[in-house]
Amino acid sequence: MTAITATKANQDFFKVMDFVNKSNDEIMITNDDGMNCVLVSEKNWRSLMETAYLNSIPEMAESIISASKTPLEECSVYNQIKY
């Protein structure tokens, strides 16, 4: 993760935003008090929030892990499922 000072982030804020959005990398913004923050793109923020939400559902993580171990031959094709 790239780290820059709050002063540098303030001076180059639009460049920092552009970097974060184009690279999908986050930037740690530091200060002398050790009260740092991290700037992430909206896309990555939404992804993090979705992951946190899914992990908050009891047994969801185990279900996803279990499903990922199912061979593709045993999976149903969505458009072939009869409702």
N, C-alpha and C. Protein backbone atom coordinates (compact mmCIF):
# COMPACT_ATOMS: atom_id res chain seq x y z
N MET A 1 0.84 -1.17 0.00
CA MET A 1 0.00 0.00 0.00
C MET A 1 0.89 1.23 0.00
N THR A 2 0.57 2.16 -0.85
CA THR A 2 1.30 3.43 -0.92
C THR A 2 0.90 4.30 0.25
N ALA A 3 1.84 5.01 0.82
CA ALA A 3 1.56 5.94 1.91
C ALA A 3 2.09 7.32 1.54
N ILE A 4 1.27 8.34 1.82
CA ILE A 4 1.69 9.72 1.61
C ILE A 4 1.23 10.54 2.81
N THR A 5 1.84 11.69 2.99
CA THR A 5 1.46 12.56 4.09
C THR A 5 0.14 13.26 3.77
N ALA A 6 -0.53 13.72 4.80
CA ALA A 6 -1.78 14.46 4.62
C ALA A 6 -1.52 15.74 3.82
N THR A 7 -0.38 16.35 4.06
CA THR A 7 -0.03 17.58 3.33
C THR A 7 0.09 17.30 1.84
N LYS A 8 0.79 16.22 1.50
CA LYS A 8 0.96 15.86 0.08
C LYS A 8 -0.38 15.47 -0.53
N ALA A 9 -1.21 14.73 0.22
CA ALA A 9 -2.53 14.34 -0.30
C ALA A 9 -3.37 15.57 -0.56
N ASN A 10 -3.28 16.56 0.32
CA ASN A 10 -4.05 17.79 0.14
C ASN A 10 -3.58 18.56 -1.08
N GLN A 11 -2.27 18.63 -1.27
CA GLN A 11 -1.71 19.36 -2.40
C GLN A 11 -2.09 18.73 -3.74
N ASP A 12 -2.12 17.41 -3.77
CA ASP A 12 -2.35 16.68 -5.02
C ASP A 12 -3.64 15.86 -4.97
N PHE A 13 -4.66 16.38 -4.31
CA PHE A 13 -5.85 15.58 -4.05
C PHE A 13 -6.47 14.97 -5.31
N PHE A 14 -6.61 15.74 -6.37
CA PHE A 14 -7.24 15.20 -7.58
C PHE A 14 -6.36 14.12 -8.24
N LYS A 15 -5.05 14.28 -8.17
CA LYS A 15 -4.14 13.25 -8.69
C LYS A 15 -4.24 11.98 -7.84
N VAL A 16 -4.34 12.15 -6.52
CA VAL A 16 -4.46 11.00 -5.62
C VAL A 16 -5.76 10.26 -5.91
N MET A 17 -6.86 11.00 -6.04
CA MET A 17 -8.14 10.38 -6.38
C MET A 17 -8.05 9.62 -7.70
N ASP A 18 -7.45 10.22 -8.68
CA ASP A 18 -7.32 9.60 -9.99
C ASP A 18 -6.50 8.31 -9.89
N PHE A 19 -5.40 8.34 -9.14
CA PHE A 19 -4.57 7.15 -8.96
C PHE A 19 -5.37 6.03 -8.31
N VAL A 20 -6.08 6.35 -7.24
CA VAL A 20 -6.84 5.34 -6.51
C VAL A 20 -7.91 4.72 -7.40
N ASN A 21 -8.60 5.54 -8.16
CA ASN A 21 -9.67 5.02 -9.02
C ASN A 21 -9.14 4.21 -10.20
N LYS A 22 -8.04 4.62 -10.77
CA LYS A 22 -7.51 3.91 -11.94
C LYS A 22 -6.72 2.66 -11.57
N SER A 23 -6.05 2.68 -10.43
CA SER A 23 -5.18 1.56 -10.07
C SER A 23 -5.89 0.51 -9.21
N ASN A 24 -7.04 0.88 -8.65
CA ASN A 24 -7.73 0.02 -7.67
C ASN A 24 -6.84 -0.30 -6.49
N ASP A 25 -5.88 0.53 -6.23
CA ASP A 25 -5.00 0.41 -5.06
C ASP A 25 -5.46 1.45 -4.05
N GLU A 26 -5.18 1.19 -2.80
CA GLU A 26 -5.53 2.16 -1.78
C GLU A 26 -4.30 2.96 -1.39
N ILE A 27 -4.53 4.13 -0.79
CA ILE A 27 -3.42 4.97 -0.35
C ILE A 27 -3.64 5.29 1.13
N MET A 28 -2.60 5.06 1.93
CA MET A 28 -2.65 5.45 3.33
C MET A 28 -2.20 6.90 3.42
N ILE A 29 -3.03 7.70 4.07
CA ILE A 29 -2.71 9.11 4.28
C ILE A 29 -2.29 9.25 5.74
N THR A 30 -1.06 9.70 5.94
CA THR A 30 -0.48 9.73 7.29
C THR A 30 -0.36 11.15 7.81
N ASN A 31 -0.26 11.24 9.14
CA ASN A 31 0.05 12.53 9.75
C ASN A 31 1.01 12.31 10.92
N ASP A 32 1.47 13.38 11.52
CA ASP A 32 2.47 13.28 12.59
C ASP A 32 1.90 12.68 13.88
N ASP A 33 0.60 12.71 14.04
CA ASP A 33 -0.04 12.19 15.26
C ASP A 33 -0.30 10.69 15.19
N GLY A 34 -0.01 10.06 14.03
CA GLY A 34 -0.28 8.64 13.87
C GLY A 34 -1.76 8.33 13.64
N MET A 35 -2.55 9.36 13.38
CA MET A 35 -3.98 9.18 13.10
C MET A 35 -4.14 9.08 11.58
N ASN A 36 -3.85 7.91 11.04
CA ASN A 36 -3.84 7.71 9.60
C ASN A 36 -5.23 7.33 9.10
N CYS A 37 -5.42 7.45 7.81
CA CYS A 37 -6.64 6.98 7.18
C CYS A 37 -6.24 6.35 5.85
N VAL A 38 -7.21 5.66 5.24
CA VAL A 38 -6.95 4.99 3.97
C VAL A 38 -7.99 5.47 2.96
N LEU A 39 -7.53 5.87 1.80
CA LEU A 39 -8.41 6.28 0.71
C LEU A 39 -8.55 5.11 -0.25
N VAL A 40 -9.81 4.70 -0.49
CA VAL A 40 -10.09 3.61 -1.43
C VAL A 40 -11.10 4.11 -2.45
N SER A 41 -11.13 3.45 -3.61
CA SER A 41 -12.10 3.82 -4.63
C SER A 41 -13.50 3.41 -4.18
N GLU A 42 -14.51 4.05 -4.74
CA GLU A 42 -15.88 3.69 -4.42
C GLU A 42 -16.15 2.24 -4.78
N LYS A 43 -15.62 1.78 -5.90
CA LYS A 43 -15.81 0.39 -6.34
C LYS A 43 -15.27 -0.57 -5.27
N ASN A 44 -14.07 -0.31 -4.78
CA ASN A 44 -13.50 -1.19 -3.76
C ASN A 44 -14.24 -1.07 -2.44
N TRP A 45 -14.70 0.13 -2.09
CA TRP A 45 -15.47 0.33 -0.86
C TRP A 45 -16.75 -0.50 -0.91
N ARG A 46 -17.46 -0.44 -2.03
CA ARG A 46 -18.70 -1.21 -2.16
C ARG A 46 -18.43 -2.71 -2.06
N SER A 47 -17.33 -3.14 -2.64
CA SER A 47 -16.95 -4.55 -2.57
C SER A 47 -16.66 -4.96 -1.13
N LEU A 48 -15.95 -4.12 -0.40
CA LEU A 48 -15.66 -4.41 1.01
C LEU A 48 -16.95 -4.47 1.83
N MET A 49 -17.86 -3.55 1.58
CA MET A 49 -19.13 -3.53 2.32
C MET A 49 -19.98 -4.76 2.01
N GLU A 50 -19.98 -5.19 0.73
CA GLU A 50 -20.73 -6.39 0.36
C GLU A 50 -20.13 -7.62 1.04
N THR A 51 -18.81 -7.71 1.05
CA THR A 51 -18.15 -8.83 1.71
C THR A 51 -18.46 -8.85 3.20
N ALA A 52 -18.40 -7.69 3.84
CA ALA A 52 -18.71 -7.62 5.27
C ALA A 52 -20.16 -8.03 5.52
N TYR A 53 -21.08 -7.58 4.65
CA TYR A 53 -22.48 -7.95 4.80
C TYR A 53 -22.67 -9.47 4.66
N LEU A 54 -22.10 -10.04 3.61
CA LEU A 54 -22.25 -11.48 3.40
C LEU A 54 -21.65 -12.28 4.55
N ASN A 55 -20.52 -11.81 5.09
CA ASN A 55 -19.91 -12.50 6.22
C ASN A 55 -20.70 -12.33 7.51
N SER A 56 -21.61 -11.35 7.55
CA SER A 56 -22.42 -11.15 8.75
C SER A 56 -23.60 -12.12 8.80
N ILE A 57 -23.92 -12.76 7.69
CA ILE A 57 -25.03 -13.72 7.63
C ILE A 57 -24.52 -15.06 8.17
N PRO A 58 -25.19 -15.58 9.21
CA PRO A 58 -24.72 -16.84 9.79
C PRO A 58 -24.58 -17.93 8.72
N GLU A 59 -23.46 -18.60 8.74
CA GLU A 59 -23.13 -19.74 7.89
C GLU A 59 -22.96 -19.39 6.40
N MET A 60 -23.01 -18.11 6.05
CA MET A 60 -22.86 -17.72 4.63
C MET A 60 -21.47 -18.07 4.11
N ALA A 61 -20.44 -17.73 4.87
CA ALA A 61 -19.07 -18.00 4.41
C ALA A 61 -18.86 -19.49 4.18
N GLU A 62 -19.35 -20.31 5.11
CA GLU A 62 -19.20 -21.76 4.96
C GLU A 62 -19.95 -22.26 3.72
N SER A 63 -21.12 -21.68 3.47
CA SER A 63 -21.91 -22.06 2.30
C SER A 63 -21.18 -21.73 1.00
N ILE A 64 -20.57 -20.56 0.95
CA ILE A 64 -19.83 -20.14 -0.24
C ILE A 64 -18.62 -21.04 -0.45
N ILE A 65 -17.89 -21.32 0.63
CA ILE A 65 -16.72 -22.19 0.53
C ILE A 65 -17.13 -23.58 0.07
N SER A 66 -18.20 -24.10 0.64
CA SER A 66 -18.70 -25.42 0.25
C SER A 66 -19.11 -25.44 -1.22
N ALA A 67 -19.83 -24.42 -1.65
CA ALA A 67 -20.27 -24.35 -3.05
C ALA A 67 -19.09 -24.25 -4.01
N SER A 68 -18.04 -23.57 -3.60
CA SER A 68 -16.87 -23.42 -4.48
C SER A 68 -16.15 -24.73 -4.71
N LYS A 69 -16.39 -25.71 -3.85
CA LYS A 69 -15.76 -27.02 -3.99
C LYS A 69 -16.59 -27.98 -4.83
N THR A 70 -17.78 -27.56 -5.24
CA THR A 70 -18.64 -28.40 -6.06
C THR A 70 -18.12 -28.42 -7.49
N PRO A 71 -17.88 -29.60 -8.06
CA PRO A 71 -17.42 -29.67 -9.45
C PRO A 71 -18.45 -29.02 -10.40
N LEU A 72 -17.98 -28.36 -11.42
CA LEU A 72 -18.87 -27.68 -12.37
C LEU A 72 -19.89 -28.63 -12.99
N GLU A 73 -19.50 -29.88 -13.20
CA GLU A 73 -20.42 -30.84 -13.82
C GLU A 73 -21.66 -31.07 -12.95
N GLU A 74 -21.53 -30.85 -11.67
CA GLU A 74 -22.64 -31.06 -10.75
C GLU A 74 -23.50 -29.81 -10.54
N CYS A 75 -23.10 -28.71 -11.15
CA CYS A 75 -23.84 -27.44 -10.98
C CYS A 75 -24.96 -27.34 -12.01
N SER A 76 -26.01 -26.63 -11.65
CA SER A 76 -27.10 -26.37 -12.56
C SER A 76 -26.80 -25.14 -13.39
N VAL A 77 -27.25 -25.14 -14.62
CA VAL A 77 -27.14 -23.97 -15.46
C VAL A 77 -28.36 -23.11 -15.20
N TYR A 78 -28.14 -21.83 -14.88
CA TYR A 78 -29.22 -20.95 -14.45
C TYR A 78 -30.40 -20.93 -15.41
N ASN A 79 -30.14 -20.79 -16.69
CA ASN A 79 -31.25 -20.67 -17.64
C ASN A 79 -31.94 -22.01 -17.94
N GLN A 80 -31.45 -23.10 -17.35
CA GLN A 80 -32.08 -24.39 -17.56
C GLN A 80 -32.87 -24.84 -16.33
N ILE A 81 -32.90 -24.03 -15.30
CA ILE A 81 -33.64 -24.39 -14.10
C ILE A 81 -35.12 -24.09 -14.32
N LYS A 82 -35.96 -25.07 -14.04
CA LYS A 82 -37.42 -24.92 -14.16
C LYS A 82 -37.97 -24.48 -12.82
N TYR A 83 -38.77 -23.42 -12.84
CA TYR A 83 -39.39 -22.93 -11.60
C TYR A 83 -40.86 -23.26 -11.57
